[in-house]
Protein backbone atom coordinates (compact mmCIF):
# COMPACT_ATOMS: atom_id res chain seq x y z
CA MET A 1 0.05 -82.08 -26.55
CA SER A 2 -1.53 -78.90 -27.95
CA TYR A 3 0.36 -76.64 -30.35
CA ILE A 4 0.34 -72.91 -29.63
CA LYS A 5 0.37 -70.84 -32.81
CA LYS A 6 2.89 -68.00 -32.76
CA ASN A 7 1.84 -64.39 -33.33
CA ILE A 8 3.84 -62.62 -36.04
CA LEU A 9 3.62 -58.85 -36.55
CA VAL A 10 4.47 -57.93 -40.16
CA SER A 11 4.66 -54.64 -42.06
CA GLY A 12 4.84 -54.09 -45.81
CA VAL A 13 2.50 -56.98 -46.58
CA THR A 14 0.64 -55.77 -49.66
CA SER A 15 3.20 -56.84 -52.28
CA GLY A 16 6.63 -58.28 -52.97
CA MET A 17 8.62 -59.90 -50.18
CA GLY A 18 6.11 -59.05 -47.45
CA LEU A 19 3.19 -60.64 -49.28
CA VAL A 20 5.17 -63.78 -50.12
CA PHE A 21 6.37 -64.04 -46.52
CA CYS A 22 2.82 -63.82 -45.17
CA GLU A 23 1.74 -66.57 -47.55
CA LEU A 24 4.58 -68.68 -46.17
CA LEU A 25 3.54 -67.90 -42.59
CA ASP A 26 -0.03 -68.90 -43.38
CA LYS A 27 1.15 -72.16 -44.90
CA ASN A 28 3.10 -72.88 -41.71
CA LYS A 29 0.11 -72.09 -39.44
CA TYR A 30 1.32 -68.86 -37.84
CA ASN A 31 -1.05 -66.12 -36.64
CA ILE A 32 -0.43 -63.10 -38.87
CA TYR A 33 -0.90 -59.54 -37.59
CA PRO A 34 -0.38 -57.34 -40.67
CA LEU A 35 0.25 -53.61 -40.35
CA LEU A 36 -1.78 -51.77 -42.99
CA ARG A 37 -2.49 -48.13 -43.68
CA LYS A 38 -6.20 -48.91 -44.10
CA LYS A 39 -8.13 -51.83 -42.68
CA SER A 40 -10.52 -51.68 -45.62
CA ASN A 41 -7.97 -52.88 -48.16
CA LYS A 42 -10.34 -55.04 -50.22
CA ASN A 43 -7.52 -56.95 -51.88
CA LEU A 44 -6.39 -58.31 -48.52
CA ASP A 45 -9.50 -58.68 -46.40
CA PHE A 46 -10.13 -62.16 -47.75
CA TYR A 47 -6.70 -63.34 -46.61
CA TYR A 48 -5.59 -61.45 -43.54
CA GLN A 49 -7.11 -61.50 -40.10
CA ASN A 50 -6.12 -59.30 -37.17
CA ILE A 51 -5.22 -56.24 -39.23
CA ILE A 52 -3.61 -53.38 -37.27
CA GLU A 53 -4.05 -49.98 -38.87
CA VAL A 54 -0.75 -48.04 -38.94
CA ASP A 55 0.37 -45.29 -41.30
CA PHE A 56 4.17 -45.35 -41.50
CA SER A 57 4.21 -41.82 -42.90
CA LYS A 58 2.84 -40.64 -39.52
CA PRO A 59 5.19 -42.19 -36.95
CA GLN A 60 3.98 -39.77 -34.27
CA ASN A 61 0.84 -41.92 -33.91
CA ILE A 62 2.52 -45.29 -33.48
CA GLU A 63 3.01 -45.38 -29.72
CA GLU A 64 -0.62 -44.46 -29.08
CA ILE A 65 -1.83 -47.16 -31.48
CA PHE A 66 0.18 -49.91 -29.80
CA SER A 67 -0.73 -48.72 -26.30
CA LYS A 68 -4.24 -50.01 -27.03
CA ILE A 69 -3.11 -53.44 -28.24
CA ASN A 70 -3.00 -56.26 -25.70
CA ILE A 71 -1.31 -58.99 -27.70
CA LYS A 72 1.95 -60.81 -27.07
CA PHE A 73 4.03 -61.21 -30.22
CA ASP A 74 6.63 -63.83 -31.10
CA ALA A 75 8.18 -61.84 -33.93
CA PHE A 76 8.13 -58.48 -35.67
CA ILE A 77 9.21 -58.44 -39.31
CA ASN A 78 9.59 -55.05 -40.99
CA PHE A 79 9.30 -55.09 -44.78
CA ALA A 80 7.76 -51.61 -45.07
CA GLY A 81 9.85 -49.01 -46.84
CA ILE A 82 10.04 -46.69 -49.80
CA LEU A 83 12.70 -46.34 -52.47
CA PRO A 84 12.32 -42.96 -54.21
CA GLY A 85 15.34 -43.54 -56.48
CA LYS A 86 16.59 -39.96 -56.06
CA SER A 87 19.99 -38.65 -55.09
CA ILE A 88 20.49 -36.21 -52.24
CA PHE A 89 20.69 -33.43 -54.82
CA GLU A 90 17.23 -34.29 -56.18
CA GLN A 91 15.42 -34.56 -52.84
CA ASP A 92 13.82 -31.74 -50.87
CA TYR A 93 13.17 -31.61 -47.13
CA ASN A 94 9.67 -33.10 -47.36
CA GLY A 95 10.90 -36.01 -49.45
CA LEU A 96 13.75 -36.72 -47.05
CA LYS A 97 11.44 -36.51 -44.04
CA GLU A 98 8.96 -38.94 -45.59
CA LEU A 99 11.78 -41.35 -46.42
CA PHE A 100 13.14 -41.39 -42.88
CA ASP A 101 9.67 -41.40 -41.28
CA ILE A 102 8.78 -44.58 -43.17
CA ASN A 103 12.13 -46.36 -43.39
CA VAL A 104 13.60 -45.53 -39.98
CA LEU A 105 11.39 -43.77 -37.44
CA SER A 106 8.33 -45.99 -37.83
CA PRO A 107 10.10 -49.34 -37.31
CA MET A 108 12.10 -47.77 -34.49
CA LEU A 109 8.95 -46.60 -32.71
CA ILE A 110 7.22 -49.94 -33.26
CA ILE A 111 10.16 -51.67 -31.59
CA LYS A 112 9.90 -49.23 -28.69
CA SER A 113 6.14 -49.76 -28.46
CA ILE A 114 6.24 -53.57 -28.43
CA GLN A 115 9.17 -54.05 -26.07
CA LEU A 116 6.83 -55.25 -23.31
CA LYS A 117 4.55 -57.08 -25.75
CA LEU A 118 7.15 -59.63 -26.87
CA ASN A 119 7.19 -63.20 -25.66
CA LYS A 120 10.41 -64.75 -24.43
CA ASN A 121 12.59 -65.89 -27.36
CA ALA A 122 10.82 -63.50 -29.72
CA VAL A 123 12.63 -62.28 -32.83
CA ILE A 124 12.79 -58.91 -34.57
CA VAL A 125 13.85 -58.92 -38.23
CA LEU A 126 14.53 -55.64 -40.02
CA LEU A 127 15.04 -55.27 -43.76
CA GLY A 128 18.19 -53.38 -44.64
CA SER A 129 19.82 -53.29 -48.06
CA ILE A 130 23.00 -53.89 -50.01
CA SER A 131 22.80 -50.15 -50.73
CA ALA A 132 23.71 -49.43 -47.11
CA GLN A 133 26.90 -51.47 -47.51
CA LYS A 134 28.25 -50.45 -50.90
CA GLY A 135 26.50 -47.14 -51.46
CA SER A 136 24.23 -46.31 -54.37
CA TYR A 137 22.93 -43.51 -56.54
CA ASP A 138 20.04 -42.81 -54.15
CA ASP A 139 22.12 -41.80 -51.13
CA PRO A 140 19.16 -40.85 -48.88
CA TYR A 141 17.78 -44.38 -49.26
CA SER A 142 21.23 -45.86 -48.56
CA ALA A 143 21.50 -43.71 -45.45
CA SER A 144 18.08 -44.84 -44.21
CA LYS A 145 19.06 -48.49 -44.59
CA GLY A 146 22.43 -47.80 -42.96
CA ALA A 147 20.46 -46.55 -39.97
CA ILE A 148 18.57 -49.84 -39.90
CA HIS A 149 21.82 -51.83 -39.94
CA SER A 150 23.10 -49.80 -36.97
CA LEU A 151 19.77 -50.17 -35.17
CA VAL A 152 19.98 -53.95 -35.45
CA LYS A 153 23.34 -54.00 -33.69
CA SER A 154 22.44 -51.55 -30.93
CA VAL A 155 18.97 -52.87 -30.14
CA SER A 156 20.12 -56.49 -30.12
CA LEU A 157 22.30 -55.72 -27.09
CA LYS A 158 19.39 -54.15 -25.22
CA PHE A 159 17.00 -57.04 -25.92
CA ALA A 160 19.42 -59.88 -25.17
CA PRO A 161 19.10 -62.53 -23.88
CA ASN A 162 15.32 -62.80 -24.22
CA VAL A 163 14.77 -61.39 -27.72
CA ARG A 164 16.91 -61.73 -30.84
CA VAL A 165 17.32 -58.95 -33.42
CA VAL A 166 18.53 -59.73 -36.94
CA GLY A 167 18.91 -57.66 -40.10
CA ILE A 168 18.66 -58.77 -43.73
CA ALA A 169 20.53 -56.97 -46.52
CA PRO A 170 19.07 -58.11 -49.85
CA GLY A 171 20.62 -57.30 -53.18
CA ILE A 172 18.58 -56.92 -56.36
CA THR A 173 15.30 -58.80 -55.92
CA ASP A 174 12.57 -59.41 -58.49
CA ASN A 175 8.99 -58.20 -58.02
CA THR A 176 9.94 -55.43 -55.60
CA GLY A 177 10.26 -51.65 -55.76
CA MET A 178 13.95 -52.23 -56.37
CA THR A 179 13.32 -53.79 -59.78
CA ASN A 180 9.78 -52.92 -60.87
CA ASN A 181 10.59 -49.28 -61.57
CA LEU A 182 13.93 -49.70 -63.33
CA VAL A 183 14.19 -48.08 -66.76
CA ASP A 184 14.79 -50.26 -69.81
CA GLY A 185 18.22 -51.85 -69.82
CA LEU A 186 19.10 -50.98 -66.23
CA TYR A 187 17.79 -54.30 -64.87
CA GLU A 188 20.09 -56.23 -67.19
CA GLN A 189 23.03 -53.99 -66.25
CA ASN A 190 22.45 -54.71 -62.58
CA ILE A 191 22.19 -58.47 -63.15
CA GLN A 192 25.57 -58.42 -64.89
CA LYS A 193 27.12 -57.20 -61.63
CA VAL A 194 25.82 -60.24 -59.71
CA PRO A 195 28.22 -63.23 -59.75
CA LEU A 196 25.29 -65.67 -59.68
CA ASN A 197 23.94 -63.88 -62.78
CA CYS A 198 20.38 -63.57 -61.50
CA ALA A 199 18.22 -61.60 -59.10
CA ALA A 200 16.86 -62.99 -55.85
CA GLN A 201 13.22 -63.99 -55.74
CA PRO A 202 10.92 -62.81 -52.91
CA GLU A 203 10.65 -66.46 -51.89
CA ASP A 204 14.41 -66.53 -51.21
CA ILE A 205 14.07 -63.72 -48.69
CA ALA A 206 10.90 -65.17 -47.16
CA GLU A 207 12.45 -68.60 -46.59
CA LEU A 208 15.52 -67.04 -44.96
CA ILE A 209 13.40 -65.01 -42.55
CA LEU A 210 11.28 -68.04 -41.66
CA PHE A 211 14.52 -69.85 -40.82
CA ILE A 212 15.60 -66.92 -38.62
CA ILE A 213 12.41 -66.75 -36.57
CA GLU A 214 12.34 -70.48 -35.94
CA LYS A 215 14.47 -72.37 -33.43
CA HIS A 216 17.22 -73.22 -35.93
CA ALA A 217 18.74 -69.72 -35.63
CA LYS A 218 18.55 -69.41 -31.84
CA PHE A 219 22.21 -68.30 -31.53
CA MET A 220 21.88 -65.59 -34.17
CA THR A 221 21.45 -61.96 -33.08
CA GLY A 222 22.94 -58.53 -33.77
CA CYS A 223 23.96 -59.49 -37.30
CA VAL A 224 23.00 -58.27 -40.76
CA ILE A 225 22.80 -61.18 -43.19
CA ASP A 226 23.82 -60.59 -46.80
CA ILE A 227 21.65 -62.18 -49.49
CA ASN A 228 22.93 -60.60 -52.68
CA GLY A 229 24.22 -63.32 -54.99
CA GLY A 230 27.81 -62.34 -54.25
CA GLN A 231 27.42 -58.76 -55.51
CA TYR A 232 28.89 -57.40 -52.29
CA LEU A 233 31.42 -59.41 -50.28
CA ARG A 234 32.83 -58.55 -46.88
């Protein structure tokens, strides 16, 4: 009996959780279709095949790009996003527009564009954030992730029963934009607020998403899963 490799569309693959997840996919013999701003990314050419060139800061181009792609996908995982670390009082219009173009409009338009390019029992996984649940200093970012949480619930009803849609709400996670740019002392302050007294590792998020896209989670849809070490309980 031959084994058909599944096609996984992934954004935000150049570092952090997205990179670790793609390494896990490769280890488990999935076909990876990474979304990159430039196909000529020399750091990734040796590893990735099937690169699709998409600039999340220009969501107006997304539907045209996917109209030319004749591939059936088994999952779309959206890691792409920016975290400016600014409050609403520190952001201008252009900054807010870029934030929502990348964090909300682009994944939304990708979902729209691939609706007829998904195999039966496909899975969409969108990265939200603990910030959308408990609020944070950078309210525009929190609002963008709140939009993702709402999108998961609404879109899951439209795609059922053939496609599942699941959200992930990570707390503080090492080797990501959430932690790499913290000023001295702030990382330790954040860890003190986590009952498990540590940050998540990108591998923790990657393993959870792999579980979600495989058959073990076949009754899971429309939910946002917390993975925050107990920092936010509901």
